[in-house]
Amino acid sequence: MTHSQSKQFGTNQILLKQEGKELLNELNLRISDSTGIHKKSYEKIYLEVRLMTDTIENSNQKKGRISYHIFIVDQWDFSDELGIRLLNFKEQYLNLKK
């Protein structure tokens, strides 16, 4: 890996980790405002995103099983901004962990 590739990789990690933290804040708000099954779903997504965010900087740590995207695709409105951001976050995370 060249110096510029390494620098870009580090920048991508920082940006992705920042996005993960912002998503966690948004999910916390939704958890606070929800009840029942919606609250449980948001909590599950929160845990997966937190795990992903925690493993971004450690390339040796294996990525966990990510399943929240299935719930989003199947049940969320396609125009939901948080859902779109969560799906993009998953894709960027998987690309970073390749």
PDB file of N, CA and C in Angstrom:
ATOM      1  N   MET A   1       0.848  -1.164   0.000  1.00  0.00           N
ATOM      2  CA  MET A   1       0.000   0.000   0.000  1.00  0.00           C
ATOM      3  C   MET A   1       0.900   1.235   0.000  1.00  0.00           C
ATOM      4  N   THR A   2       0.657   2.149  -0.928  1.00  0.00           N
ATOM      5  CA  THR A   2       1.451   3.364  -1.005  1.00  0.00           C
ATOM      6  C   THR A   2       1.016   4.333   0.081  1.00  0.00           C
ATOM      7  N   HIS A   3       1.840   5.368   0.271  1.00  0.00           N
ATOM      8  CA  HIS A   3       1.536   6.372   1.292  1.00  0.00           C
ATOM      9  C   HIS A   3       0.202   7.052   1.019  1.00  0.00           C
ATOM     10  N   SER A   4      -0.066   7.397  -0.248  1.00  0.00           N
ATOM     11  CA  SER A   4      -1.329   8.076  -0.574  1.00  0.00           C
ATOM     12  C   SER A   4      -2.523   7.140  -0.370  1.00  0.00           C
ATOM     13  N   GLN A   5      -2.343   5.844  -0.669  1.00  0.00           N
ATOM     14  CA  GLN A   5      -3.423   4.888  -0.428  1.00  0.00           C
ATOM     15  C   GLN A   5      -3.670   4.736   1.068  1.00  0.00           C
ATOM     16  N   SER A   6      -2.593   4.703   1.843  1.00  0.00           N
ATOM     17  CA  SER A   6      -2.714   4.586   3.288  1.00  0.00           C
ATOM     18  C   SER A   6      -3.415   5.806   3.872  1.00  0.00           C
ATOM     19  N   LYS A   7      -3.039   6.998   3.382  1.00  0.00           N
ATOM     20  CA  LYS A   7      -3.657   8.234   3.856  1.00  0.00           C
ATOM     21  C   LYS A   7      -5.141   8.248   3.509  1.00  0.00           C
ATOM     22  N   GLN A   8      -5.482   7.821   2.280  1.00  0.00           N
ATOM     23  CA  GLN A   8      -6.882   7.771   1.858  1.00  0.00           C
ATOM     24  C   GLN A   8      -7.656   6.769   2.706  1.00  0.00           C
ATOM     25  N   PHE A   9      -7.042   5.620   2.991  1.00  0.00           N
ATOM     26  CA  PHE A   9      -7.688   4.606   3.817  1.00  0.00           C
ATOM     27  C   PHE A   9      -7.985   5.175   5.197  1.00  0.00           C
ATOM     28  N   GLY A  10      -7.027   5.895   5.775  1.00  0.00           N
ATOM     29  CA  GLY A  10      -7.224   6.513   7.080  1.00  0.00           C
ATOM     30  C   GLY A  10      -8.325   7.553   7.060  1.00  0.00           C
ATOM     31  N   THR A  11      -8.371   8.357   6.004  1.00  0.00           N
ATOM     32  CA  THR A  11      -9.420   9.364   5.860  1.00  0.00           C
ATOM     33  C   THR A  11     -10.780   8.693   5.741  1.00  0.00           C
ATOM     34  N   ASN A  12     -10.855   7.633   4.952  1.00  0.00           N
ATOM     35  CA  ASN A  12     -12.116   6.899   4.805  1.00  0.00           C
ATOM     36  C   ASN A  12     -12.577   6.317   6.137  1.00  0.00           C
ATOM     37  N   GLN A  13     -11.639   5.794   6.914  1.00  0.00           N
ATOM     38  CA  GLN A  13     -11.974   5.253   8.230  1.00  0.00           C
ATOM     39  C   GLN A  13     -12.561   6.338   9.127  1.00  0.00           C
ATOM     40  N   ILE A  14     -11.921   7.492   9.149  1.00  0.00           N
ATOM     41  CA  ILE A  14     -12.375   8.597  10.001  1.00  0.00           C
ATOM     42  C   ILE A  14     -13.775   9.041   9.601  1.00  0.00           C
ATOM     43  N   LEU A  15     -13.986   9.224   8.302  1.00  0.00           N
ATOM     44  CA  LEU A  15     -15.300   9.666   7.822  1.00  0.00           C
ATOM     45  C   LEU A  15     -16.379   8.623   8.110  1.00  0.00           C
ATOM     46  N   LEU A  16     -16.052   7.361   7.921  1.00  0.00           N
ATOM     47  CA  LEU A  16     -17.025   6.306   8.165  1.00  0.00           C
ATOM     48  C   LEU A  16     -17.343   6.196   9.656  1.00  0.00           C
ATOM     49  N   LYS A  17     -16.336   6.327  10.484  1.00  0.00           N
ATOM     50  CA  LYS A  17     -16.566   6.272  11.931  1.00  0.00           C
ATOM     51  C   LYS A  17     -17.429   7.451  12.375  1.00  0.00           C
ATOM     52  N   GLN A  18     -17.179   8.619  11.814  1.00  0.00           N
ATOM     53  CA  GLN A  18     -17.984   9.798  12.131  1.00  0.00           C
ATOM     54  C   GLN A  18     -19.438   9.574  11.705  1.00  0.00           C
ATOM     55  N   GLU A  19     -19.639   9.034  10.518  1.00  0.00           N
ATOM     56  CA  GLU A  19     -20.996   8.737  10.045  1.00  0.00           C
ATOM     57  C   GLU A  19     -21.661   7.722  10.969  1.00  0.00           C
ATOM     58  N   GLY A  20     -20.910   6.723  11.409  1.00  0.00           N
ATOM     59  CA  GLY A  20     -21.455   5.731  12.339  1.00  0.00           C
ATOM     60  C   GLY A  20     -21.927   6.363  13.631  1.00  0.00           C
ATOM     61  N   LYS A  21     -21.152   7.296  14.163  1.00  0.00           N
ATOM     62  CA  LYS A  21     -21.539   7.981  15.402  1.00  0.00           C
ATOM     63  C   LYS A  21     -22.787   8.827  15.195  1.00  0.00           C
ATOM     64  N   GLU A  22     -22.881   9.486  14.052  1.00  0.00           N
ATOM     65  CA  GLU A  22     -24.078  10.280  13.752  1.00  0.00           C
ATOM     66  C   GLU A  22     -25.303   9.378  13.617  1.00  0.00           C
ATOM     67  N   LEU A  23     -25.131   8.236  12.991  1.00  0.00           N
ATOM     68  CA  LEU A  23     -26.238   7.286  12.859  1.00  0.00           C
ATOM     69  C   LEU A  23     -26.678   6.765  14.225  1.00  0.00           C
ATOM     70  N   LEU A  24     -25.723   6.515  15.104  1.00  0.00           N
ATOM     71  CA  LEU A  24     -26.061   6.059  16.451  1.00  0.00           C
ATOM     72  C   LEU A  24     -26.884   7.109  17.191  1.00  0.00           C
ATOM     73  N   ASN A  25     -26.524   8.382  17.023  1.00  0.00           N
ATOM     74  CA  ASN A  25     -27.301   9.453  17.652  1.00  0.00           C
ATOM     75  C   ASN A  25     -28.726   9.487  17.112  1.00  0.00           C
ATOM     76  N   GLU A  26     -28.866   9.363  15.793  1.00  0.00           N
ATOM     77  CA  GLU A  26     -30.198   9.349  15.170  1.00  0.00           C
ATOM     78  C   GLU A  26     -31.014   8.147  15.657  1.00  0.00           C
ATOM     79  N   LEU A  27     -30.365   7.002  15.742  1.00  0.00           N
ATOM     80  CA  LEU A  27     -31.065   5.806  16.214  1.00  0.00           C
ATOM     81  C   LEU A  27     -31.497   5.962  17.668  1.00  0.00           C
ATOM     82  N   ASN A  28     -30.662   6.589  18.485  1.00  0.00           N
ATOM     83  CA  ASN A  28     -31.030   6.852  19.881  1.00  0.00           C
ATOM     84  C   ASN A  28     -32.298   7.679  19.968  1.00  0.00           C
ATOM     85  N   LEU A  29     -32.408   8.684  19.103  1.00  0.00           N
ATOM     86  CA  LEU A  29     -33.611   9.515  19.083  1.00  0.00           C
ATOM     87  C   LEU A  29     -34.835   8.681  18.714  1.00  0.00           C
ATOM     88  N   ARG A  30     -34.691   7.833  17.725  1.00  0.00           N
ATOM     89  CA  ARG A  30     -35.823   6.993  17.306  1.00  0.00           C
ATOM     90  C   ARG A  30     -36.188   5.980  18.389  1.00  0.00           C
ATOM     91  N   ILE A  31     -35.186   5.450  19.070  1.00  0.00           N
ATOM     92  CA  ILE A  31     -35.458   4.516  20.169  1.00  0.00           C
ATOM     93  C   ILE A  31     -36.260   5.225  21.253  1.00  0.00           C
ATOM     94  N   SER A  32     -35.871   6.453  21.575  1.00  0.00           N
ATOM     95  CA  SER A  32     -36.556   7.231  22.613  1.00  0.00           C
ATOM     96  C   SER A  32     -38.007   7.519  22.248  1.00  0.00           C
ATOM     97  N   ASP A  33     -38.260   7.712  20.961  1.00  0.00           N
ATOM     98  CA  ASP A  33     -39.597   8.091  20.495  1.00  0.00           C
ATOM     99  C   ASP A  33     -40.467   6.897  20.115  1.00  0.00           C
ATOM    100  N   SER A  34     -39.965   5.676  20.263  1.00  0.00           N
ATOM    101  CA  SER A  34     -40.690   4.494  19.785  1.00  0.00           C
ATOM    102  C   SER A  34     -41.106   3.591  20.934  1.00  0.00           C
ATOM    103  N   THR A  35     -42.031   2.702  20.621  1.00  0.00           N
ATOM    104  CA  THR A  35     -42.468   1.695  21.583  1.00  0.00           C
ATOM    105  C   THR A  35     -42.604   0.355  20.862  1.00  0.00           C
ATOM    106  N   GLY A  36     -42.707  -0.685  21.655  1.00  0.00           N
ATOM    107  CA  GLY A  36     -43.000  -2.014  21.125  1.00  0.00           C
ATOM    108  C   GLY A  36     -41.998  -2.537  20.127  1.00  0.00           C
ATOM    109  N   ILE A  37     -42.535  -3.108  19.055  1.00  0.00           N
ATOM    110  CA  ILE A  37     -41.701  -3.792  18.066  1.00  0.00           C
ATOM    111  C   ILE A  37     -40.770  -2.832  17.331  1.00  0.00           C
ATOM    112  N   HIS A  38     -41.223  -1.598  17.109  1.00  0.00           N
ATOM    113  CA  HIS A  38     -40.356  -0.625  16.437  1.00  0.00           C
ATOM    114  C   HIS A  38     -39.140  -0.311  17.306  1.00  0.00           C
ATOM    115  N   LYS A  39     -39.367  -0.181  18.598  1.00  0.00           N
ATOM    116  CA  LYS A  39     -38.259   0.102  19.515  1.00  0.00           C
ATOM    117  C   LYS A  39     -37.245  -1.042  19.493  1.00  0.00           C
ATOM    118  N   LYS A  40     -37.733  -2.278  19.522  1.00  0.00           N
ATOM    119  CA  LYS A  40     -36.837  -3.447  19.487  1.00  0.00           C
ATOM    120  C   LYS A  40     -36.021  -3.473  18.193  1.00  0.00           C
ATOM    121  N   SER A  41     -36.658  -3.138  17.084  1.00  0.00           N
ATOM    122  CA  SER A  41     -35.949  -3.120  15.799  1.00  0.00           C
ATOM    123  C   SER A  41     -34.859  -2.056  15.795  1.00  0.00           C
ATOM    124  N   TYR A  42     -35.197  -0.867  16.283  1.00  0.00           N
ATOM    125  CA  TYR A  42     -34.200   0.204  16.349  1.00  0.00           C
ATOM    126  C   TYR A  42     -33.046  -0.186  17.269  1.00  0.00           C
ATOM    127  N   GLU A  43     -33.352  -0.858  18.372  1.00  0.00           N
ATOM    128  CA  GLU A  43     -32.297  -1.287  19.298  1.00  0.00           C
ATOM    129  C   GLU A  43     -31.368  -2.303  18.635  1.00  0.00           C
ATOM    130  N   LYS A  44     -31.930  -3.225  17.865  1.00  0.00           N
ATOM    131  CA  LYS A  44     -31.102  -4.218  17.160  1.00  0.00           C
ATOM    132  C   LYS A  44     -30.195  -3.534  16.142  1.00  0.00           C
ATOM    133  N   ILE A  45     -30.758  -2.608  15.389  1.00  0.00           N
ATOM    134  CA  ILE A  45     -29.967  -1.864  14.405  1.00  0.00           C
ATOM    135  C   ILE A  45     -28.877  -1.079  15.119  1.00  0.00           C
ATOM    136  N   TYR A  46     -29.224  -0.448  16.236  1.00  0.00           N
ATOM    137  CA  TYR A  46     -28.251   0.326  17.013  1.00  0.00           C
ATOM    138  C   TYR A  46     -27.062  -0.551  17.411  1.00  0.00           C
ATOM    139  N   LEU A  47     -27.342  -1.735  17.921  1.00  0.00           N
ATOM    140  CA  LEU A  47     -26.261  -2.628  18.358  1.00  0.00           C
ATOM    141  C   LEU A  47     -25.348  -3.023  17.202  1.00  0.00           C
ATOM    142  N   GLU A  48     -25.930  -3.310  16.047  1.00  0.00           N
ATOM    143  CA  GLU A  48     -25.114  -3.684  14.888  1.00  0.00           C
ATOM    144  C   GLU A  48     -24.259  -2.512  14.413  1.00  0.00           C
ATOM    145  N   VAL A  49     -24.846  -1.323  14.342  1.00  0.00           N
ATOM    146  CA  VAL A  49     -24.097  -0.146  13.889  1.00  0.00           C
ATOM    147  C   VAL A  49     -22.997   0.191  14.892  1.00  0.00           C
ATOM    148  N   ARG A  50     -23.280   0.041  16.183  1.00  0.00           N
ATOM    149  CA  ARG A  50     -22.249   0.303  17.198  1.00  0.00           C
ATOM    150  C   ARG A  50     -21.081  -0.668  17.050  1.00  0.00           C
ATOM    151  N   LEU A  51     -21.385  -1.936  16.832  1.00  0.00           N
ATOM    152  CA  LEU A  51     -20.329  -2.929  16.625  1.00  0.00           C
ATOM    153  C   LEU A  51     -19.512  -2.589  15.385  1.00  0.00           C
ATOM    154  N   MET A  52     -20.187  -2.232  14.317  1.00  0.00           N
ATOM    155  CA  MET A  52     -19.493  -1.866  13.081  1.00  0.00           C
ATOM    156  C   MET A  52     -18.602  -0.649  13.316  1.00  0.00           C
ATOM    157  N   THR A  53     -19.131   0.356  13.986  1.00  0.00           N
ATOM    158  CA  THR A  53     -18.379   1.583  14.249  1.00  0.00           C
ATOM    159  C   THR A  53     -17.153   1.285  15.104  1.00  0.00           C
ATOM    160  N   ASP A  54     -17.320   0.410  16.087  1.00  0.00           N
ATOM    161  CA  ASP A  54     -16.202   0.055  16.968  1.00  0.00           C
ATOM    162  C   ASP A  54     -15.103  -0.713  16.242  1.00  0.00           C
ATOM    163  N   THR A  55     -15.430  -1.413  15.154  1.00  0.00           N
ATOM    164  CA  THR A  55     -14.430  -2.232  14.459  1.00  0.00           C
ATOM    165  C   THR A  55     -13.820  -1.551  13.234  1.00  0.00           C
ATOM    166  N   ILE A  56     -14.228  -0.332  12.939  1.00  0.00           N
ATOM    167  CA  ILE A  56     -13.742   0.339  11.727  1.00  0.00           C
ATOM    168  C   ILE A  56     -12.229   0.496  11.722  1.00  0.00           C
ATOM    169  N   GLU A  57     -11.651   0.914  12.826  1.00  0.00           N
ATOM    170  CA  GLU A  57     -10.212   1.200  12.858  1.00  0.00           C
ATOM    171  C   GLU A  57      -9.358  -0.044  13.030  1.00  0.00           C
ATOM    172  N   ASN A  58      -9.943  -1.144  13.396  1.00  0.00           N
ATOM    173  CA  ASN A  58      -9.185  -2.364  13.617  1.00  0.00           C
ATOM    174  C   ASN A  58      -9.396  -3.307  12.438  1.00  0.00           C
ATOM    175  N   SER A  59      -8.490  -3.253  11.491  1.00  0.00           N
ATOM    176  CA  SER A  59      -8.641  -4.067  10.278  1.00  0.00           C
ATOM    177  C   SER A  59      -8.480  -5.559  10.560  1.00  0.00           C
ATOM    178  N   ASN A  60      -7.858  -5.920  11.686  1.00  0.00           N
ATOM    179  CA  ASN A  60      -7.681  -7.330  12.024  1.00  0.00           C
ATOM    180  C   ASN A  60      -8.941  -7.937  12.629  1.00  0.00           C
ATOM    181  N   GLN A  61      -9.790  -7.085  13.195  1.00  0.00           N
ATOM    182  CA  GLN A  61     -11.010  -7.578  13.818  1.00  0.00           C
ATOM    183  C   GLN A  61     -12.018  -7.943  12.738  1.00  0.00           C
ATOM    184  N   LYS A  62     -12.559  -9.138  12.852  1.00  0.00           N
ATOM    185  CA  LYS A  62     -13.516  -9.600  11.842  1.00  0.00           C
ATOM    186  C   LYS A  62     -14.813  -8.824  11.959  1.00  0.00           C
ATOM    187  N   LYS A  63     -15.413  -8.620  10.804  1.00  0.00           N
ATOM    188  CA  LYS A  63     -16.715  -7.967  10.815  1.00  0.00           C
ATOM    189  C   LYS A  63     -17.756  -8.973  11.277  1.00  0.00           C
ATOM    190  N   GLY A  64     -18.704  -8.493  12.035  1.00  0.00           N
ATOM    191  CA  GLY A  64     -19.781  -9.350  12.508  1.00  0.00           C
ATOM    192  C   GLY A  64     -20.834  -9.535  11.431  1.00  0.00           C
ATOM    193  N   ARG A  65     -21.777 -10.362  11.709  1.00  0.00           N
ATOM    194  CA  ARG A  65     -22.891 -10.571  10.777  1.00  0.00           C
ATOM    195  C   ARG A  65     -23.774  -9.333  10.809  1.00  0.00           C
ATOM    196  N   ILE A  66     -24.011  -8.784   9.650  1.00  0.00           N
ATOM    197  CA  ILE A  66     -24.827  -7.580   9.524  1.00  0.00           C
ATOM    198  C   ILE A  66     -26.149  -7.987   8.889  1.00  0.00           C
ATOM    199  N   SER A  67     -27.235  -7.748   9.604  1.00  0.00           N
ATOM    200  CA  SER A  67     -28.535  -8.158   9.069  1.00  0.00           C
ATOM    201  C   SER A  67     -29.570  -7.042   9.077  1.00  0.00           C
ATOM    202  N   TYR A  68     -29.220  -5.878   9.628  1.00  0.00           N
ATOM    203  CA  TYR A  68     -30.227  -4.826   9.746  1.00  0.00           C
ATOM    204  C   TYR A  68     -30.754  -4.344   8.399  1.00  0.00           C
ATOM    205  N   HIS A  69     -29.952  -4.468   7.356  1.00  0.00           N
ATOM    206  CA  HIS A  69     -30.382  -3.986   6.041  1.00  0.00           C
ATOM    207  C   HIS A  69     -31.622  -4.722   5.531  1.00  0.00           C
ATOM    208  N   ILE A  70     -31.779  -5.973   5.920  1.00  0.00           N
ATOM    209  CA  ILE A  70     -32.946  -6.747   5.484  1.00  0.00           C
ATOM    210  C   ILE A  70     -34.222  -6.113   6.031  1.00  0.00           C
ATOM    211  N   PHE A  71     -34.202  -5.752   7.298  1.00  0.00           N
ATOM    212  CA  PHE A  71     -35.358  -5.103   7.914  1.00  0.00           C
ATOM    213  C   PHE A  71     -35.664  -3.776   7.224  1.00  0.00           C
ATOM    214  N   ILE A  72     -34.637  -2.998   6.940  1.00  0.00           N
ATOM    215  CA  ILE A  72     -34.836  -1.686   6.316  1.00  0.00           C
ATOM    216  C   ILE A  72     -35.439  -1.842   4.925  1.00  0.00           C
ATOM    217  N   VAL A  73     -34.882  -2.723   4.131  1.00  0.00           N
ATOM    218  CA  VAL A  73     -35.364  -2.913   2.756  1.00  0.00           C
ATOM    219  C   VAL A  73     -36.799  -3.440   2.750  1.00  0.00           C
ATOM    220  N   ASP A  74     -37.100  -4.363   3.647  1.00  0.00           N
ATOM    221  CA  ASP A  74     -38.423  -4.987   3.659  1.00  0.00           C
ATOM    222  C   ASP A  74     -39.518  -4.117   4.268  1.00  0.00           C
ATOM    223  N   GLN A  75     -39.173  -3.268   5.254  1.00  0.00           N
ATOM    224  CA  GLN A  75     -40.230  -2.626   6.022  1.00  0.00           C
ATOM    225  C   GLN A  75     -40.190  -1.103   6.085  1.00  0.00           C
ATOM    226  N   TRP A  76     -39.095  -0.483   5.754  1.00  0.00           N
ATOM    227  CA  TRP A  76     -39.032   0.974   5.860  1.00  0.00           C
ATOM    228  C   TRP A  76     -39.474   1.617   4.561  1.00  0.00           C
ATOM    229  N   ASP A  77     -39.955   2.843   4.679  1.00  0.00           N
ATOM    230  CA  ASP A  77     -40.301   3.654   3.513  1.00  0.00           C
ATOM    231  C   ASP A  77     -39.013   3.947   2.743  1.00  0.00           C
ATOM    232  N   PHE A  78     -39.076   3.839   1.424  1.00  0.00           N
ATOM    233  CA  PHE A  78     -37.875   4.050   0.602  1.00  0.00           C
ATOM    234  C   PHE A  78     -37.325   5.465   0.712  1.00  0.00           C
ATOM    235  N   SER A  79     -38.148   6.411   1.125  1.00  0.00           N
ATOM    236  CA  SER A  79     -37.687   7.797   1.220  1.00  0.00           C
ATOM    237  C   SER A  79     -37.161   8.146   2.610  1.00  0.00           C
ATOM    238  N   ASP A  80     -37.113   7.178   3.517  1.00  0.00           N
ATOM    239  CA  ASP A  80     -36.629   7.437   4.871  1.00  0.00           C
ATOM    240  C   ASP A  80     -35.128   7.724   4.826  1.00  0.00           C
ATOM    241  N   GLU A  81     -34.757   8.947   5.180  1.00  0.00           N
ATOM    242  CA  GLU A  81     -33.352   9.366   5.088  1.00  0.00           C
ATOM    243  C   GLU A  81     -32.439   8.513   5.964  1.00  0.00           C
ATOM    244  N   LEU A  82     -32.882   8.197   7.168  1.00  0.00           N
ATOM    245  CA  LEU A  82     -32.059   7.376   8.051  1.00  0.00           C
ATOM    246  C   LEU A  82     -31.840   5.989   7.446  1.00  0.00           C
ATOM    247  N   GLY A  83     -32.868   5.418   6.871  1.00  0.00           N
ATOM    248  CA  GLY A  83     -32.731   4.110   6.230  1.00  0.00           C
ATOM    249  C   GLY A  83     -31.730   4.131   5.090  1.00  0.00           C
ATOM    250  N   ILE A  84     -31.798   5.173   4.279  1.00  0.00           N
ATOM    251  CA  ILE A  84     -30.856   5.324   3.161  1.00  0.00           C
ATOM    252  C   ILE A  84     -29.433   5.456   3.688  1.00  0.00           C
ATOM    253  N   ARG A  85     -29.263   6.272   4.719  1.00  0.00           N
ATOM    254  CA  ARG A  85     -27.922   6.452   5.303  1.00  0.00           C
ATOM    255  C   ARG A  85     -27.401   5.151   5.903  1.00  0.00           C
ATOM    256  N   LEU A  86     -28.270   4.396   6.564  1.00  0.00           N
ATOM    257  CA  LEU A  86     -27.854   3.121   7.150  1.00  0.00           C
ATOM    258  C   LEU A  86     -27.432   2.121   6.074  1.00  0.00           C
ATOM    259  N   LEU A  87     -28.153   2.081   4.972  1.00  0.00           N
ATOM    260  CA  LEU A  87     -27.781   1.177   3.875  1.00  0.00           C
ATOM    261  C   LEU A  87     -26.450   1.593   3.251  1.00  0.00           C
ATOM    262  N   ASN A  88     -26.249   2.883   3.063  1.00  0.00           N
ATOM    263  CA  ASN A  88     -24.974   3.382   2.529  1.00  0.00           C
ATOM    264  C   ASN A  88     -23.828   3.089   3.488  1.00  0.00           C
ATOM    265  N   PHE A  89     -24.075   3.256   4.780  1.00  0.00           N
ATOM    266  CA  PHE A  89     -23.061   2.979   5.798  1.00  0.00           C
ATOM    267  C   PHE A  89     -22.625   1.518   5.724  1.00  0.00           C
ATOM    268  N   LYS A  90     -23.589   0.618   5.597  1.00  0.00           N
ATOM    269  CA  LYS A  90     -23.270  -0.813   5.506  1.00  0.00           C
ATOM    270  C   LYS A  90     -22.387  -1.100   4.293  1.00  0.00           C
ATOM    271  N   GLU A  91     -22.738  -0.524   3.149  1.00  0.00           N
ATOM    272  CA  GLU A  91     -21.955  -0.745   1.929  1.00  0.00           C
ATOM    273  C   GLU A  91     -20.535  -0.200   2.077  1.00  0.00           C
ATOM    274  N   GLN A  92     -20.403   0.993   2.615  1.00  0.00           N
ATOM    275  CA  GLN A  92     -19.077   1.584   2.803  1.00  0.00           C
ATOM    276  C   GLN A  92     -18.259   0.770   3.798  1.00  0.00           C
ATOM    277  N   TYR A  93     -18.899   0.295   4.843  1.00  0.00           N
ATOM    278  CA  TYR A  93     -18.227  -0.525   5.847  1.00  0.00           C
ATOM    279  C   TYR A  93     -17.699  -1.815   5.216  1.00  0.00           C
ATOM    280  N   LEU A  94     -18.545  -2.484   4.445  1.00  0.00           N
ATOM    281  CA  LEU A  94     -18.122  -3.732   3.808  1.00  0.00           C
ATOM    282  C   LEU A  94     -16.988  -3.493   2.816  1.00  0.00           C
ATOM    283  N   ASN A  95     -17.032  -2.394   2.084  1.00  0.00           N
ATOM    284  CA  ASN A  95     -15.943  -2.058   1.157  1.00  0.00           C
ATOM    285  C   ASN A  95     -14.647  -1.794   1.908  1.00  0.00           C
ATOM    286  N   LEU A  96     -14.734  -1.154   3.049  1.00  0.00           N
ATOM    287  CA  LEU A  96     -13.548  -0.859   3.851  1.00  0.00           C
ATOM    288  C   LEU A  96     -12.946  -2.138   4.429  1.00  0.00           C
ATOM    289  N   LYS A  97     -13.790  -3.093   4.766  1.00  0.00           N
ATOM    290  CA  LYS A  97     -13.331  -4.327   5.404  1.00  0.00           C
ATOM    291  C   LYS A  97     -12.885  -5.392   4.411  1.00  0.00           C
ATOM    292  N   LYS A  98     -12.976  -5.124   3.111  1.00  0.00           N
ATOM    293  CA  LYS A  98     -12.539  -6.110   2.099  1.00  0.00           C
ATOM    294  C   LYS A  98     -11.066  -6.368   2.195  1.00  0.00           C
TER     295      LYS A  98
END
